[in-house]
Amino acid sequence: MKIVATNKKAYHDFEIIEKFEAGIVLEGSEVKAIRAGKVNLKDSFIKIVKGEPFIFGMHISHLKTANPHFKPDEKRPRKLLLHKKEINKLIGKTSEKGYTIVPLKLYFNNKNLVKLEIALAKGKTLHDKRESLKRKILDREAKAALKDY
């Protein structure tokens, strides 16, 4: 498994409840651009439109070596491929208040297919963000103290 892009902001802003693996519908040279690492997940989000999940805001840059006459839109919505049971589960959970779907990482699996790890998440409050930051700092200091000891 080769990880191409991660969404670190999602771990900071959301509490991850459940993770899913989804395929993506891509066009043209987008797979080559992803392989070259020209992808950004930072401000992307997932919505379910008419019973089908789509990722919005994922930026895949165009390669200079690819065909210049066929340039797919870099920020277009891309359809995600999930099982019907998973989609129904996500629809049920996101209809509740406070739950959302966020992308976590983009990677190539063992069969060399592009996969997106998405998560059902609940937004953190400012207090929760501060608490997790304090816990992270304390853990880091404890590890450093053990290392010096």
C-alpha atoms as a PDB file:
ATOM      1  CA  MET A   1       0.000   0.000   0.000  1.00  0.00           C
ATOM      2  CA  LYS A   2       1.524   3.294  -1.162  1.00  0.00           C
ATOM      3  CA  ILE A   3       0.012   6.378   0.515  1.00  0.00           C
ATOM      4  CA  VAL A   4      -0.070   9.349  -1.856  1.00  0.00           C
ATOM      5  CA  ALA A   5      -1.903  12.056   0.140  1.00  0.00           C
ATOM      6  CA  THR A   6      -3.266  12.456   3.653  1.00  0.00           C
ATOM      7  CA  ASN A   7      -5.704  14.883   5.234  1.00  0.00           C
ATOM      8  CA  LYS A   8      -4.081  15.757   8.570  1.00  0.00           C
ATOM      9  CA  LYS A   9      -6.596  18.520   9.202  1.00  0.00           C
ATOM     10  CA  ALA A  10      -9.403  15.948   9.384  1.00  0.00           C
ATOM     11  CA  TYR A  11      -7.821  14.282  12.414  1.00  0.00           C
ATOM     12  CA  HIS A  12      -7.523  17.685  14.105  1.00  0.00           C
ATOM     13  CA  ASP A  13     -11.038  18.957  13.344  1.00  0.00           C
ATOM     14  CA  PHE A  14     -13.044  15.725  13.645  1.00  0.00           C
ATOM     15  CA  GLU A  15     -13.428  12.723  15.909  1.00  0.00           C
ATOM     16  CA  ILE A  16     -13.201   9.653  13.637  1.00  0.00           C
ATOM     17  CA  ILE A  17     -15.976   7.127  14.311  1.00  0.00           C
ATOM     18  CA  GLU A  18     -15.819   4.607  11.462  1.00  0.00           C
ATOM     19  CA  LYS A  19     -13.590   4.212   8.380  1.00  0.00           C
ATOM     20  CA  PHE A  20     -14.486   2.969   4.875  1.00  0.00           C
ATOM     21  CA  GLU A  21     -12.487   2.239   1.716  1.00  0.00           C
ATOM     22  CA  ALA A  22     -13.867   3.711  -1.514  1.00  0.00           C
ATOM     23  CA  GLY A  23     -12.833   3.628  -5.156  1.00  0.00           C
ATOM     24  CA  ILE A  24     -12.863   6.795  -7.287  1.00  0.00           C
ATOM     25  CA  VAL A  25     -14.075   7.388 -10.849  1.00  0.00           C
ATOM     26  CA  LEU A  26     -11.174   9.136 -12.634  1.00  0.00           C
ATOM     27  CA  GLU A  27     -10.667  10.457 -16.172  1.00  0.00           C
ATOM     28  CA  GLY A  28      -7.724  10.558 -18.551  1.00  0.00           C
ATOM     29  CA  SER A  29      -4.341  11.158 -17.012  1.00  0.00           C
ATOM     30  CA  GLU A  30      -5.597  11.679 -13.447  1.00  0.00           C
ATOM     31  CA  VAL A  31      -4.152   8.350 -12.279  1.00  0.00           C
ATOM     32  CA  LYS A  32      -0.715   9.364 -13.590  1.00  0.00           C
ATOM     33  CA  ALA A  33      -1.022  12.711 -11.820  1.00  0.00           C
ATOM     34  CA  ILE A  34      -1.951  10.952  -8.561  1.00  0.00           C
ATOM     35  CA  ARG A  35       1.001   8.587  -8.985  1.00  0.00           C
ATOM     36  CA  ALA A  36       3.225  11.675  -9.388  1.00  0.00           C
ATOM     37  CA  GLY A  37       1.790  13.066  -6.138  1.00  0.00           C
ATOM     38  CA  LYS A  38      -0.012  16.044  -7.683  1.00  0.00           C
ATOM     39  CA  VAL A  39      -3.093  15.742  -5.471  1.00  0.00           C
ATOM     40  CA  ASN A  40      -4.411  17.732  -2.504  1.00  0.00           C
ATOM     41  CA  LEU A  41      -7.111  16.596  -0.046  1.00  0.00           C
ATOM     42  CA  LYS A  42      -6.921  19.573   2.308  1.00  0.00           C
ATOM     43  CA  ASP A  43     -10.283  21.310   1.738  1.00  0.00           C
ATOM     44  CA  SER A  44     -12.174  18.357   0.295  1.00  0.00           C
ATOM     45  CA  PHE A  45     -15.431  16.972   1.632  1.00  0.00           C
ATOM     46  CA  ILE A  46     -17.911  14.241   0.735  1.00  0.00           C
ATOM     47  CA  LYS A  47     -21.626  14.664   0.035  1.00  0.00           C
ATOM     48  CA  ILE A  48     -24.247  12.126  -0.932  1.00  0.00           C
ATOM     49  CA  VAL A  49     -26.187  13.401  -3.960  1.00  0.00           C
ATOM     50  CA  LYS A  50     -29.233  11.403  -5.112  1.00  0.00           C
ATOM     51  CA  GLY A  51     -28.003   8.297  -3.288  1.00  0.00           C
ATOM     52  CA  GLU A  52     -24.463   8.454  -4.717  1.00  0.00           C
ATOM     53  CA  PRO A  53     -21.393   9.695  -2.802  1.00  0.00           C
ATOM     54  CA  PHE A  54     -19.246  12.408  -4.416  1.00  0.00           C
ATOM     55  CA  ILE A  55     -16.022  14.047  -3.276  1.00  0.00           C
ATOM     56  CA  PHE A  56     -15.874  17.811  -3.746  1.00  0.00           C
ATOM     57  CA  GLY A  57     -12.802  20.028  -3.601  1.00  0.00           C
ATOM     58  CA  MET A  58     -10.155  17.353  -4.204  1.00  0.00           C
ATOM     59  CA  HIS A  59      -7.524  18.977  -6.425  1.00  0.00           C
ATOM     60  CA  ILE A  60      -5.668  16.814  -8.984  1.00  0.00           C
ATOM     61  CA  SER A  61      -3.236  18.897 -11.049  1.00  0.00           C
ATOM     62  CA  HIS A  62      -2.770  18.328 -14.772  1.00  0.00           C
ATOM     63  CA  LEU A  63       0.508  16.726 -15.864  1.00  0.00           C
ATOM     64  CA  LYS A  64       2.661  18.573 -18.384  1.00  0.00           C
ATOM     65  CA  THR A  65       3.494  15.268 -20.111  1.00  0.00           C
ATOM     66  CA  ALA A  66      -0.193  14.371 -20.604  1.00  0.00           C
ATOM     67  CA  ASN A  67      -2.313  15.268 -23.633  1.00  0.00           C
ATOM     68  CA  PRO A  68      -2.721  19.088 -23.610  1.00  0.00           C
ATOM     69  CA  HIS A  69      -6.014  18.946 -25.576  1.00  0.00           C
ATOM     70  CA  PHE A  70      -7.839  16.857 -22.963  1.00  0.00           C
ATOM     71  CA  LYS A  71      -7.686  18.528 -19.572  1.00  0.00           C
ATOM     72  CA  PRO A  72     -10.292  17.376 -17.082  1.00  0.00           C
ATOM     73  CA  ASP A  73     -11.362  20.012 -14.557  1.00  0.00           C
ATOM     74  CA  GLU A  74      -8.909  19.860 -11.634  1.00  0.00           C
ATOM     75  CA  LYS A  75     -11.510  20.431  -8.895  1.00  0.00           C
ATOM     76  CA  ARG A  76     -14.515  18.674 -10.424  1.00  0.00           C
ATOM     77  CA  PRO A  77     -16.729  16.484  -8.224  1.00  0.00           C
ATOM     78  CA  ARG A  78     -15.649  12.836  -8.471  1.00  0.00           C
ATOM     79  CA  LYS A  79     -17.956   9.906  -7.840  1.00  0.00           C
ATOM     80  CA  LEU A  80     -16.978   7.444  -5.113  1.00  0.00           C
ATOM     81  CA  LEU A  81     -17.554   3.723  -5.461  1.00  0.00           C
ATOM     82  CA  LEU A  82     -19.018   2.057  -2.371  1.00  0.00           C
ATOM     83  CA  HIS A  83     -21.305  -0.888  -1.665  1.00  0.00           C
ATOM     84  CA  LYS A  84     -25.013  -0.113  -1.322  1.00  0.00           C
ATOM     85  CA  LYS A  85     -25.035  -1.189   2.354  1.00  0.00           C
ATOM     86  CA  GLU A  86     -22.182   1.223   3.131  1.00  0.00           C
ATOM     87  CA  ILE A  87     -23.933   4.087   1.319  1.00  0.00           C
ATOM     88  CA  ASN A  88     -27.175   3.429   3.223  1.00  0.00           C
ATOM     89  CA  LYS A  89     -25.257   3.355   6.511  1.00  0.00           C
ATOM     90  CA  LEU A  90     -23.582   6.681   5.689  1.00  0.00           C
ATOM     91  CA  ILE A  91     -26.909   8.260   4.672  1.00  0.00           C
ATOM     92  CA  GLY A  92     -28.494   7.131   7.940  1.00  0.00           C
ATOM     93  CA  LYS A  93     -25.663   8.441  10.108  1.00  0.00           C
ATOM     94  CA  THR A  94     -25.192  11.789   8.320  1.00  0.00           C
ATOM     95  CA  SER A  95     -28.902  12.556   8.654  1.00  0.00           C
ATOM     96  CA  GLU A  96     -28.230  12.755  12.421  1.00  0.00           C
ATOM     97  CA  LYS A  97     -27.006  16.116  13.635  1.00  0.00           C
ATOM     98  CA  GLY A  98     -23.244  16.597  13.904  1.00  0.00           C
ATOM     99  CA  TYR A  99     -22.088  13.704  11.699  1.00  0.00           C
ATOM    100  CA  THR A 100     -20.228  14.219   8.432  1.00  0.00           C
ATOM    101  CA  ILE A 101     -18.093  12.264   5.963  1.00  0.00           C
ATOM    102  CA  VAL A 102     -14.463  13.302   5.471  1.00  0.00           C
ATOM    103  CA  PRO A 103     -11.623  11.942   3.302  1.00  0.00           C
ATOM    104  CA  LEU A 104      -8.586  10.762   5.264  1.00  0.00           C
ATOM    105  CA  LYS A 105      -6.027   9.442   2.777  1.00  0.00           C
ATOM    106  CA  LEU A 106      -5.547   8.572  -0.874  1.00  0.00           C
ATOM    107  CA  TYR A 107      -3.468   5.510  -1.701  1.00  0.00           C
ATOM    108  CA  PHE A 108      -2.749   2.693  -4.144  1.00  0.00           C
ATOM    109  CA  ASN A 109      -3.802  -0.739  -2.847  1.00  0.00           C
ATOM    110  CA  ASN A 110      -2.038  -4.070  -3.480  1.00  0.00           C
ATOM    111  CA  LYS A 111      -3.753  -4.421  -6.885  1.00  0.00           C
ATOM    112  CA  ASN A 112      -2.442  -0.960  -7.879  1.00  0.00           C
ATOM    113  CA  LEU A 113      -5.889   0.672  -7.810  1.00  0.00           C
ATOM    114  CA  VAL A 114      -6.493   4.177  -6.454  1.00  0.00           C
ATOM    115  CA  LYS A 115      -8.481   4.031  -3.220  1.00  0.00           C
ATOM    116  CA  LEU A 116      -9.727   6.732  -0.878  1.00  0.00           C
ATOM    117  CA  GLU A 117     -10.106   6.103   2.840  1.00  0.00           C
ATOM    118  CA  ILE A 118     -13.139   8.002   4.071  1.00  0.00           C
ATOM    119  CA  ALA A 119     -14.486   8.282   7.588  1.00  0.00           C
ATOM    120  CA  LEU A 120     -17.742   8.941   9.329  1.00  0.00           C
ATOM    121  CA  ALA A 121     -16.801  11.716  11.727  1.00  0.00           C
ATOM    122  CA  LYS A 122     -18.230  14.045  14.317  1.00  0.00           C
ATOM    123  CA  GLY A 123     -16.957  17.618  14.559  1.00  0.00           C
ATOM    124  CA  LYS A 124     -14.841  18.548  17.572  1.00  0.00           C
ATOM    125  CA  THR A 125     -15.550  21.641  19.630  1.00  0.00           C
ATOM    126  CA  LEU A 126     -12.807  24.134  20.430  1.00  0.00           C
ATOM    127  CA  HIS A 127     -12.499  22.621  23.899  1.00  0.00           C
ATOM    128  CA  ASP A 128     -11.998  19.113  22.451  1.00  0.00           C
ATOM    129  CA  LYS A 129      -9.332  20.388  20.038  1.00  0.00           C
ATOM    130  CA  ARG A 130      -7.399  21.988  22.891  1.00  0.00           C
ATOM    131  CA  GLU A 131      -7.740  18.819  24.980  1.00  0.00           C
ATOM    132  CA  SER A 132      -6.363  16.578  22.198  1.00  0.00           C
ATOM    133  CA  LEU A 133      -3.493  19.025  21.583  1.00  0.00           C
ATOM    134  CA  LYS A 134      -2.574  18.973  25.299  1.00  0.00           C
ATOM    135  CA  ARG A 135      -2.700  15.165  25.333  1.00  0.00           C
ATOM    136  CA  LYS A 136      -0.452  15.012  22.263  1.00  0.00           C
ATOM    137  CA  ILE A 137       2.121  17.356  23.860  1.00  0.00           C
ATOM    138  CA  LEU A 138       2.119  15.390  27.120  1.00  0.00           C
ATOM    139  CA  ASP A 139       2.620  12.103  25.258  1.00  0.00           C
ATOM    140  CA  ARG A 140       5.531  13.592  23.315  1.00  0.00           C
ATOM    141  CA  GLU A 141       7.181  14.872  26.518  1.00  0.00           C
ATOM    142  CA  ALA A 142       6.704  11.486  28.223  1.00  0.00           C
ATOM    143  CA  LYS A 143       8.348   9.673  25.309  1.00  0.00           C
ATOM    144  CA  ALA A 144      11.261  12.134  25.360  1.00  0.00           C
ATOM    145  CA  ALA A 145      11.695  11.651  29.124  1.00  0.00           C
ATOM    146  CA  LEU A 146      11.719   7.867  28.725  1.00  0.00           C
ATOM    147  CA  LYS A 147      14.236   8.139  25.921  1.00  0.00           C
ATOM    148  CA  ASP A 148      16.587  10.296  28.040  1.00  0.00           C
ATOM    149  CA  TYR A 149      16.185   8.024  31.057  1.00  0.00           C
END
